[in-house]
C-alpha atoms as a PDB file:
ATOM      1  CA  MET A   1       0.000   0.000   0.000  1.00  0.00           C
ATOM      2  CA  ASN A   2       1.400   3.388  -0.994  1.00  0.00           C
ATOM      3  CA  LEU A   3       0.862   6.277   1.350  1.00  0.00           C
ATOM      4  CA  PRO A   4       0.153   9.744  -0.063  1.00  0.00           C
ATOM      5  CA  GLU A   5       3.032  12.211  -0.073  1.00  0.00           C
ATOM      6  CA  LEU A   6       3.070  14.514   2.897  1.00  0.00           C
ATOM      7  CA  PRO A   7       3.243  18.244   2.279  1.00  0.00           C
ATOM      8  CA  ARG A   8       6.755  19.650   2.534  1.00  0.00           C
ATOM      9  CA  GLN A   9       7.227  21.549   5.769  1.00  0.00           C
ATOM     10  CA  ILE A  10       9.880  24.057   6.708  1.00  0.00           C
ATOM     11  CA  LYS A  11      11.588  22.693   9.785  1.00  0.00           C
ATOM     12  CA  GLN A  12      12.421  26.057  11.265  1.00  0.00           C
ATOM     13  CA  ARG A  13      10.088  29.027  11.421  1.00  0.00           C
ATOM     14  CA  GLU A  14      13.157  31.236  11.496  1.00  0.00           C
ATOM     15  CA  ALA A  15      13.968  30.182   7.930  1.00  0.00           C
ATOM     16  CA  THR A  16      10.664  31.610   6.683  1.00  0.00           C
ATOM     17  CA  SER A  17      11.015  34.749   8.789  1.00  0.00           C
ATOM     18  CA  SER A  18      14.549  35.244   7.498  1.00  0.00           C
ATOM     19  CA  ILE A  19      13.348  35.473   3.906  1.00  0.00           C
ATOM     20  CA  ASP A  20      11.039  38.380   4.773  1.00  0.00           C
ATOM     21  CA  LEU A  21      13.799  40.075   6.739  1.00  0.00           C
ATOM     22  CA  LYS A  22      16.326  39.567   3.923  1.00  0.00           C
ATOM     23  CA  HIS A  23      14.243  41.635   1.518  1.00  0.00           C
ATOM     24  CA  TRP A  24      13.912  44.482   4.016  1.00  0.00           C
ATOM     25  CA  ILE A  25      17.640  44.400   4.906  1.00  0.00           C
ATOM     26  CA  ALA A  26      18.680  44.473   1.234  1.00  0.00           C
ATOM     27  CA  LYS A  27      16.620  47.634   0.676  1.00  0.00           C
ATOM     28  CA  ASN A  28      17.295  49.476   3.941  1.00  0.00           C
ATOM     29  CA  GLN A  29      20.495  48.385   5.696  1.00  0.00           C
ATOM     30  CA  LYS A  30      23.499  50.259   4.325  1.00  0.00           C
ATOM     31  CA  PHE A  31      26.204  48.769   6.559  1.00  0.00           C
ATOM     32  CA  SER A  32      27.331  45.299   7.594  1.00  0.00           C
ATOM     33  CA  CYS A  33      25.812  43.574  10.597  1.00  0.00           C
ATOM     34  CA  SER A  34      25.196  40.127  12.035  1.00  0.00           C
ATOM     35  CA  LEU A  35      21.675  38.791  12.463  1.00  0.00           C
ATOM     36  CA  GLU A  36      20.558  35.978  14.778  1.00  0.00           C
ATOM     37  CA  VAL A  37      16.912  35.680  13.700  1.00  0.00           C
ATOM     38  CA  LYS A  38      14.273  34.444  16.137  1.00  0.00           C
ATOM     39  CA  ASP A  39      10.554  33.756  15.737  1.00  0.00           C
ATOM     40  CA  SER A  40       7.986  34.078  18.518  1.00  0.00           C
ATOM     41  CA  ARG A  41       5.915  31.320  16.889  1.00  0.00           C
ATOM     42  CA  GLY A  42       2.838  33.508  16.625  1.00  0.00           C
ATOM     43  CA  LYS A  43       2.927  34.730  20.227  1.00  0.00           C
ATOM     44  CA  ASP A  44       3.360  38.242  21.641  1.00  0.00           C
ATOM     45  CA  SER A  45       6.318  37.166  23.776  1.00  0.00           C
ATOM     46  CA  ILE A  46       9.450  35.104  23.358  1.00  0.00           C
ATOM     47  CA  PRO A  47      11.614  33.439  26.042  1.00  0.00           C
ATOM     48  CA  PHE A  48      14.954  35.128  26.657  1.00  0.00           C
ATOM     49  CA  SER A  49      16.426  31.610  26.598  1.00  0.00           C
ATOM     50  CA  CYS A  50      15.714  31.355  22.844  1.00  0.00           C
ATOM     51  CA  VAL A  51      19.043  33.138  22.326  1.00  0.00           C
ATOM     52  CA  GLU A  52      21.545  30.469  23.305  1.00  0.00           C
ATOM     53  CA  ASP A  53      24.749  31.149  25.231  1.00  0.00           C
ATOM     54  CA  LYS A  54      26.898  30.331  22.169  1.00  0.00           C
ATOM     55  CA  GLN A  55      24.912  32.836  20.115  1.00  0.00           C
ATOM     56  CA  ILE A  56      25.413  35.500  22.780  1.00  0.00           C
ATOM     57  CA  VAL A  57      29.161  34.830  22.828  1.00  0.00           C
ATOM     58  CA  TYR A  58      29.368  35.245  19.044  1.00  0.00           C
ATOM     59  CA  ALA A  59      27.259  38.421  19.080  1.00  0.00           C
ATOM     60  CA  ASN A  60      29.475  39.925  21.800  1.00  0.00           C
ATOM     61  CA  LEU A  61      32.652  38.984  19.884  1.00  0.00           C
ATOM     62  CA  ILE A  62      31.257  40.406  16.638  1.00  0.00           C
ATOM     63  CA  SER A  63      30.238  43.694  18.239  1.00  0.00           C
ATOM     64  CA  GLY A  64      33.484  44.046  20.199  1.00  0.00           C
ATOM     65  CA  ASN A  65      37.189  44.541  19.519  1.00  0.00           C
ATOM     66  CA  LYS A  66      38.086  40.827  19.549  1.00  0.00           C
ATOM     67  CA  GLY A  67      36.013  39.904  16.521  1.00  0.00           C
ATOM     68  CA  ALA A  68      34.765  36.540  15.314  1.00  0.00           C
ATOM     69  CA  TRP A  69      36.078  34.213  12.588  1.00  0.00           C
ATOM     70  CA  ILE A  70      33.084  32.443  11.068  1.00  0.00           C
ATOM     71  CA  ARG A  71      33.179  29.412   8.777  1.00  0.00           C
ATOM     72  CA  VAL A  72      30.568  29.647   6.029  1.00  0.00           C
ATOM     73  CA  GLN A  73      29.153  26.445   4.564  1.00  0.00           C
ATOM     74  CA  GLY A  74      28.847  28.018   1.149  1.00  0.00           C
ATOM     75  CA  VAL A  75      27.305  26.091  -1.687  1.00  0.00           C
ATOM     76  CA  ASN A  76      26.536  28.990  -4.024  1.00  0.00           C
ATOM     77  CA  GLY A  77      29.905  30.704  -4.273  1.00  0.00           C
ATOM     78  CA  GLU A  78      29.926  32.309  -0.810  1.00  0.00           C
ATOM     79  CA  PRO A  79      33.321  32.899   0.782  1.00  0.00           C
ATOM     80  CA  ASP A  80      34.814  30.197   2.994  1.00  0.00           C
ATOM     81  CA  TYR A  81      35.170  32.484   6.017  1.00  0.00           C
ATOM     82  CA  ILE A  82      33.884  35.811   7.287  1.00  0.00           C
ATOM     83  CA  TRP A  83      35.680  38.000   9.823  1.00  0.00           C
ATOM     84  CA  LEU A  84      33.450  40.401  11.776  1.00  0.00           C
ATOM     85  CA  VAL A  85      34.812  42.904  14.289  1.00  0.00           C
ATOM     86  CA  ASN A  86      33.247  46.078  15.730  1.00  0.00           C
ATOM     87  CA  THR A  87      30.111  45.252  13.750  1.00  0.00           C
ATOM     88  CA  VAL A  88      26.551  45.687  14.966  1.00  0.00           C
ATOM     89  CA  ALA A  89      25.070  42.382  16.159  1.00  0.00           C
ATOM     90  CA  TYR A  90      21.283  42.271  15.991  1.00  0.00           C
ATOM     91  CA  ILE A  91      18.670  39.879  17.315  1.00  0.00           C
ATOM     92  CA  PRO A  92      15.724  40.379  14.935  1.00  0.00           C
ATOM     93  CA  ILE A  93      12.597  38.840  16.448  1.00  0.00           C
ATOM     94  CA  LYS A  94       9.558  38.036  14.318  1.00  0.00           C
ATOM     95  CA  PHE A  95       6.339  38.709  16.205  1.00  0.00           C
ATOM     96  CA  PRO A  96       2.913  38.236  14.583  1.00  0.00           C
ATOM     97  CA  LYS A  97       2.633  41.880  13.473  1.00  0.00           C
ATOM     98  CA  CYS A  98       6.249  43.008  13.061  1.00  0.00           C
ATOM     99  CA  PHE A  99       9.964  42.360  13.286  1.00  0.00           C
ATOM    100  CA  CYS A 100      11.726  44.026  16.221  1.00  0.00           C
ATOM    101  CA  ILE A 101      15.405  44.453  15.395  1.00  0.00           C
ATOM    102  CA  ILE A 102      17.261  44.648  18.718  1.00  0.00           C
ATOM    103  CA  THR A 103      20.986  45.042  19.356  1.00  0.00           C
ATOM    104  CA  ILE A 104      22.638  42.317  21.424  1.00  0.00           C
ATOM    105  CA  GLY A 105      23.421  44.937  24.075  1.00  0.00           C
ATOM    106  CA  ASN A 106      19.793  45.969  24.461  1.00  0.00           C
ATOM    107  CA  PHE A 107      18.627  42.350  24.445  1.00  0.00           C
ATOM    108  CA  LEU A 108      21.065  41.360  27.208  1.00  0.00           C
ATOM    109  CA  PHE A 109      20.302  44.459  29.266  1.00  0.00           C
ATOM    110  CA  GLU A 110      16.595  43.638  29.131  1.00  0.00           C
ATOM    111  CA  LYS A 111      17.222  39.966  29.918  1.00  0.00           C
ATOM    112  CA  GLU A 112      19.236  40.888  33.019  1.00  0.00           C
ATOM    113  CA  LYS A 113      16.906  43.586  34.340  1.00  0.00           C
ATOM    114  CA  SER A 114      13.538  42.004  33.521  1.00  0.00           C
ATOM    115  CA  LYS A 115      11.582  40.198  36.207  1.00  0.00           C
ATOM    116  CA  ARG A 116      10.035  38.095  33.442  1.00  0.00           C
ATOM    117  CA  LYS A 117      11.549  35.076  31.701  1.00  0.00           C
ATOM    118  CA  SER A 118      10.381  36.348  28.338  1.00  0.00           C
ATOM    119  CA  LEU A 119      10.484  39.458  26.214  1.00  0.00           C
ATOM    120  CA  THR A 120       7.060  40.854  25.403  1.00  0.00           C
ATOM    121  CA  LEU A 121       6.197  42.476  22.084  1.00  0.00           C
ATOM    122  CA  GLU A 122       5.408  45.729  23.891  1.00  0.00           C
ATOM    123  CA  ARG A 123       8.841  45.844  25.531  1.00  0.00           C
ATOM    124  CA  ALA A 124      10.597  44.657  22.358  1.00  0.00           C
ATOM    125  CA  ILE A 125       9.129  47.634  20.499  1.00  0.00           C
ATOM    126  CA  GLN A 126      10.470  49.967  23.197  1.00  0.00           C
ATOM    127  CA  ILE A 127      14.054  48.627  23.071  1.00  0.00           C
ATOM    128  CA  ALA A 128      14.262  47.918  19.330  1.00  0.00           C
ATOM    129  CA  THR A 129      16.574  49.864  17.056  1.00  0.00           C
ATOM    130  CA  LYS A 130      14.141  49.309  14.181  1.00  0.00           C
ATOM    131  CA  ILE A 131      10.574  48.073  13.814  1.00  0.00           C
ATOM    132  CA  VAL A 132       9.674  46.471  10.475  1.00  0.00           C
ATOM    133  CA  ARG A 133       5.973  46.042   9.833  1.00  0.00           C
END
């Protein structure tokens, strides 16, 4: 017995969100930056823990004087490595109605000072560098 083919599903919501963000970045961002994209999965809040410790370390290295050497798994002609130093490191978060593009510094400050375990959309809008609707 043959089973019907299942519809293809994107394994990570962040992949879909990244496509929307890519188009906006290409039109509006006129300097280099790093982006660790997150998706609230349709909710108006996102756990601070969604940004992993390793991701925080990289963002801090990228935005600081030490820099980060990043291996790219290029299959379409991308370079083998990228070196980022003193470059803005953003955490763009996709909420249902908008992207909130937040610097790593603002994200960490909010994580440390907040009494909550999650970042709300309302607060994300307040600390964001850019809001993309």
